[in-house]
Amino acid sequence: MDDAKRQMQEMHARNRERAVVAITQKNNLQNQVDDLQKTVDNLQAKAEFALKRGDRELALQLLKEKQSYEQSLVSAKETLAQAIETSEQVKVAIKREEEQIRQKTAEALALKAKWKQAQIQSEMEKQLQGMGSWEDHNNVFNQAKSKINNKLNEAKAMNEIGQTNVESRLRQLEVTEADVVAQSELEALEAKLGLAAPIAQTTTAPTNEIEAELARLEQKVGGSGGTGS
């Protein structure tokens, strides 16, 4: 299709060159006719002027020259008429050819668009055929979902096992023992530096407001009883 378009354009370019040559020749003939016509008119005027001056012989010579130019003028006009007709035909042919090229170009573009559309549709059909049915997609999705859930449950199970196995319990025991040793070392260091906490008295101080209120009440009751005995 592209080759045919290129060939049409090349042929049209050659025809345009021929048209330019034909029109140029027509224009040259027109200039020649114009020049011959001016020469004839000039000789005619000179012959008339010679007669006015009474020079009949010069007028006769000028009229003879004018006749020679008139013969050439007639021939040039005939050739010019043919050239004009040819150039007009060439113009019409070039115009018609340009219209045909535009039409063929439009048809080629339309065909190319249809071809592209057909290719796209064919590709889409292939993709749809390769995708399979909705049931197949649903099965694939369910399988993937099942695999993911299984991995999650497996991770949870490993976590539970990690919390109950012997190694985990031993690690917790080691942490507890390390805390006890550290606390003992701290108490020994405080005693060495004289920073040890004082020994608790037999009577324990109240630790909150209720216990303090209870202690005051006991003292009051005990004091009253001693006085009455």
Protein backbone atom coordinates (compact mmCIF):
# COMPACT_ATOMS: atom_id res chain seq x y z
CA MET A 1 0.00 0.00 0.00
CA ASP A 2 2.82 2.40 0.85
CA ASP A 3 4.66 1.43 -2.34
CA ALA A 4 1.57 2.19 -4.44
CA LYS A 5 1.20 5.55 -2.75
CA ARG A 6 4.86 6.37 -3.37
CA GLN A 7 4.56 5.40 -7.05
CA MET A 8 1.50 7.63 -7.48
CA GLN A 9 3.33 10.54 -5.90
CA GLU A 10 6.39 10.03 -8.09
CA MET A 11 4.24 9.86 -11.22
CA HIS A 12 2.38 12.97 -10.15
CA ALA A 13 5.68 14.80 -9.63
CA ARG A 14 6.81 13.88 -13.17
CA ASN A 15 3.50 15.01 -14.63
CA ARG A 16 3.78 18.31 -12.80
CA GLU A 17 7.21 18.82 -14.33
CA ARG A 18 5.75 18.17 -17.78
CA ALA A 19 2.96 20.62 -17.02
CA VAL A 20 5.50 23.27 -16.00
CA VAL A 21 7.39 22.75 -19.29
CA ALA A 22 4.19 23.00 -21.35
CA ILE A 23 3.03 26.17 -19.60
CA THR A 24 6.51 27.69 -19.92
CA GLN A 25 6.45 27.05 -23.68
CA LYS A 26 3.01 28.61 -23.90
CA ASN A 27 4.24 31.70 -22.06
CA ASN A 28 7.27 31.94 -24.37
CA LEU A 29 5.02 31.73 -27.43
CA GLN A 30 2.80 34.42 -25.94
CA ASN A 31 5.80 36.70 -25.55
CA GLN A 32 6.84 35.96 -29.13
CA VAL A 33 3.39 36.78 -30.45
CA ASP A 34 3.34 40.00 -28.44
CA ASP A 35 6.75 41.03 -29.82
CA LEU A 36 5.71 40.23 -33.41
CA GLN A 37 2.50 42.16 -32.96
CA LYS A 38 4.43 45.17 -31.68
CA THR A 39 6.80 44.98 -34.66
CA VAL A 40 3.92 44.80 -37.12
CA ASP A 41 2.18 47.73 -35.46
CA ASN A 42 5.41 49.72 -35.45
CA LEU A 43 6.06 49.08 -39.18
CA GLN A 44 2.49 50.06 -39.94
CA ALA A 45 2.93 53.35 -38.08
CA LYS A 46 6.21 54.06 -39.81
CA ALA A 47 4.70 53.36 -43.24
CA GLU A 48 1.89 55.80 -42.51
CA PHE A 49 4.37 58.45 -41.35
CA ALA A 50 6.48 57.97 -44.53
CA LEU A 51 3.40 58.50 -46.72
CA LYS A 52 2.54 61.65 -44.81
CA ARG A 53 5.99 62.95 -45.60
CA GLY A 54 5.56 62.01 -49.25
CA ASP A 55 8.13 59.18 -49.20
CA ARG A 56 6.10 56.54 -51.02
CA GLU A 57 9.07 54.29 -51.70
CA LEU A 58 9.99 54.05 -48.00
CA ALA A 59 6.40 53.38 -47.12
CA LEU A 60 6.31 50.51 -49.62
CA GLN A 61 9.47 48.99 -48.14
CA LEU A 62 8.06 49.21 -44.65
CA LEU A 63 4.82 47.52 -45.73
CA LYS A 64 6.80 44.65 -47.30
CA GLU A 65 8.65 44.13 -44.01
CA LYS A 66 5.34 44.26 -42.18
CA GLN A 67 3.93 41.49 -44.37
CA SER A 68 6.91 39.25 -43.55
CA TYR A 69 6.37 39.79 -39.84
CA GLU A 70 2.63 39.26 -40.23
CA GLN A 71 3.24 35.81 -41.72
CA SER A 72 5.41 34.92 -38.74
CA LEU A 73 2.76 36.39 -36.44
CA VAL A 74 0.03 34.22 -37.94
CA SER A 75 2.16 31.09 -37.52
CA ALA A 76 3.07 32.05 -33.96
CA LYS A 77 -0.58 32.65 -33.06
CA GLU A 78 -1.53 29.20 -34.38
CA THR A 79 1.22 27.59 -32.34
CA LEU A 80 0.23 29.67 -29.33
CA ALA A 81 -3.40 28.53 -29.61
CA GLN A 82 -2.28 24.90 -29.58
CA ALA A 83 0.02 25.57 -26.63
CA ILE A 84 -2.79 27.24 -24.70
CA GLU A 85 -5.08 24.28 -25.35
CA THR A 86 -2.37 21.83 -24.32
CA SER A 87 -1.54 23.75 -21.14
CA GLU A 88 -5.21 23.90 -20.15
CA GLN A 89 -5.55 20.16 -20.68
CA VAL A 90 -2.44 19.60 -18.59
CA LYS A 91 -3.85 21.76 -15.80
CA VAL A 92 -7.10 19.77 -15.80
CA ALA A 93 -5.16 16.48 -15.83
CA ILE A 94 -2.95 17.60 -12.93
CA LYS A 95 -5.99 18.72 -10.93
CA ARG A 96 -7.78 15.43 -11.59
CA GLU A 97 -4.66 13.48 -10.68
CA GLU A 98 -4.31 15.38 -7.39
CA GLU A 99 -7.93 14.61 -6.54
CA GLN A 100 -7.37 10.94 -7.30
CA ILE A 101 -4.25 10.90 -5.12
CA ARG A 102 -6.15 12.49 -2.23
CA GLN A 103 -8.96 9.99 -2.66
CA LYS A 104 -6.59 7.03 -2.83
CA THR A 105 -4.70 8.35 0.19
CA ALA A 106 -7.94 8.61 2.17
CA GLU A 107 -8.93 5.09 1.12
CA ALA A 108 -5.49 3.79 2.08
CA LEU A 109 -5.74 5.43 5.51
CA ALA A 110 -9.20 3.95 6.02
CA LEU A 111 -7.96 0.49 5.04
CA LYS A 112 -4.97 0.84 7.34
CA ALA A 113 -7.25 1.86 10.20
CA LYS A 114 -9.48 -1.16 9.56
CA TRP A 115 -6.44 -3.41 9.44
CA LYS A 116 -5.19 -2.06 12.75
CA GLN A 117 -8.64 -2.50 14.27
CA ALA A 118 -8.78 -6.09 13.01
CA GLN A 119 -5.34 -6.77 14.51
CA ILE A 120 -6.39 -5.32 17.87
CA GLN A 121 -9.60 -7.33 17.88
CA SER A 122 -7.72 -10.51 16.99
CA GLU A 123 -5.20 -9.88 19.77
CA MET A 124 -7.98 -9.27 22.28
CA GLU A 125 -9.67 -12.52 21.29
CA LYS A 126 -6.40 -14.38 21.78
CA GLN A 127 -5.97 -12.85 25.22
CA LEU A 128 -9.53 -13.71 26.20
CA GLN A 129 -9.07 -17.27 25.02
CA GLY A 130 -5.86 -17.55 26.99
CA MET A 131 -7.50 -16.20 30.14
CA GLY A 132 -9.94 -19.09 30.38
CA SER A 133 -13.39 -19.10 31.96
CA TRP A 134 -14.57 -17.32 35.10
CA GLU A 135 -14.65 -20.63 36.92
CA ASP A 136 -10.96 -21.12 36.17
CA HIS A 137 -10.18 -17.67 37.55
CA ASN A 138 -12.23 -18.41 40.66
CA ASN A 139 -10.36 -21.69 41.23
CA VAL A 140 -7.00 -19.97 40.85
CA PHE A 141 -8.05 -17.27 43.31
CA ASN A 142 -9.29 -19.81 45.86
CA GLN A 143 -6.07 -21.81 45.58
CA ALA A 144 -3.99 -18.70 46.17
CA LYS A 145 -6.18 -17.71 49.11
CA SER A 146 -5.85 -21.19 50.62
CA LYS A 147 -2.06 -21.09 50.32
CA ILE A 148 -1.88 -17.70 52.02
CA ASN A 149 -4.15 -18.79 54.88
CA ASN A 150 -2.10 -21.95 55.33
CA LYS A 151 1.10 -19.90 55.60
CA LEU A 152 -0.51 -17.61 58.19
CA ASN A 153 -1.72 -20.56 60.27
CA GLU A 154 1.70 -22.19 60.02
CA ALA A 155 3.32 -19.00 61.32
CA LYS A 156 0.85 -18.89 64.25
CA ALA A 157 1.55 -22.54 65.10
CA MET A 158 5.30 -21.94 65.11
CA ASN A 159 4.77 -18.98 67.43
CA GLU A 160 2.70 -21.07 69.85
CA ILE A 161 5.30 -23.82 69.83
CA GLY A 162 7.99 -21.24 70.49
CA GLN A 163 6.12 -20.10 73.63
CA THR A 164 5.70 -23.62 75.11
CA ASN A 165 8.80 -25.54 74.15
CA VAL A 166 11.61 -26.40 76.55
CA GLU A 167 14.11 -23.98 75.09
CA SER A 168 11.74 -21.06 75.63
CA ARG A 169 11.07 -22.08 79.22
CA LEU A 170 14.79 -22.45 79.88
CA ARG A 171 15.42 -18.95 78.48
CA GLN A 172 12.77 -17.57 80.88
CA LEU A 173 14.36 -19.43 83.80
CA GLU A 174 17.79 -18.04 82.95
CA VAL A 175 16.36 -14.53 82.96
CA THR A 176 14.81 -15.08 86.44
CA GLU A 177 18.05 -16.46 87.89
CA ALA A 178 19.98 -13.53 86.45
CA ASP A 179 17.56 -11.13 88.17
CA VAL A 180 18.06 -12.89 91.54
CA VAL A 181 21.86 -12.77 91.25
CA ALA A 182 21.79 -9.12 90.27
CA GLN A 183 19.52 -8.23 93.22
CA SER A 184 21.85 -10.05 95.66
CA GLU A 185 24.89 -8.23 94.31
CA LEU A 186 23.05 -4.91 94.63
CA GLU A 187 22.16 -5.54 98.30
CA ALA A 188 25.76 -6.54 99.08
CA LEU A 189 27.07 -3.38 97.47
CA GLU A 190 24.61 -1.20 99.42
CA ALA A 191 25.66 -2.83 102.69
CA LYS A 192 29.33 -2.25 101.86
CA LEU A 193 28.72 1.42 101.16
CA GLY A 194 26.48 1.89 104.23
CA LEU A 195 23.46 2.43 102.09
CA ALA A 196 21.52 -0.63 103.25
CA ALA A 197 17.87 -0.10 104.19
CA PRO A 198 17.14 -0.17 107.99
CA ILE A 199 15.77 -3.37 109.55
CA ALA A 200 12.01 -3.30 109.72
CA GLN A 201 10.45 -2.87 113.20
CA THR A 202 8.12 -5.44 114.70
CA THR A 203 5.24 -3.10 114.29
CA THR A 204 4.76 -2.44 110.64
CA ALA A 205 3.78 1.07 109.63
CA PRO A 206 0.50 1.43 107.84
CA THR A 207 0.81 1.45 104.13
CA ASN A 208 -2.36 3.34 103.34
CA GLU A 209 -4.91 5.64 104.98
CA ILE A 210 -7.30 2.84 106.04
CA GLU A 211 -4.57 0.96 107.89
CA ALA A 212 -3.42 4.20 109.58
CA GLU A 213 -6.99 4.92 110.73
CA LEU A 214 -7.27 1.37 112.08
CA ALA A 215 -4.03 1.78 114.07
CA ARG A 216 -5.21 5.02 115.65
CA LEU A 217 -8.51 3.39 116.60
CA GLU A 218 -6.71 0.43 118.22
CA GLN A 219 -4.53 2.80 120.29
CA LYS A 220 -7.56 4.74 121.44
CA VAL A 221 -9.49 1.64 122.47
CA GLY A 222 -6.49 0.12 124.19
CA GLY A 223 -5.81 3.33 126.15
CA SER A 224 -9.36 3.57 127.43
CA GLY A 225 -9.43 -0.01 128.65
CA GLY A 226 -6.24 0.45 130.71
CA THR A 227 -7.72 3.43 132.53
CA GLY A 228 -10.90 1.64 133.52
CA SER A 229 -9.09 -1.31 135.10
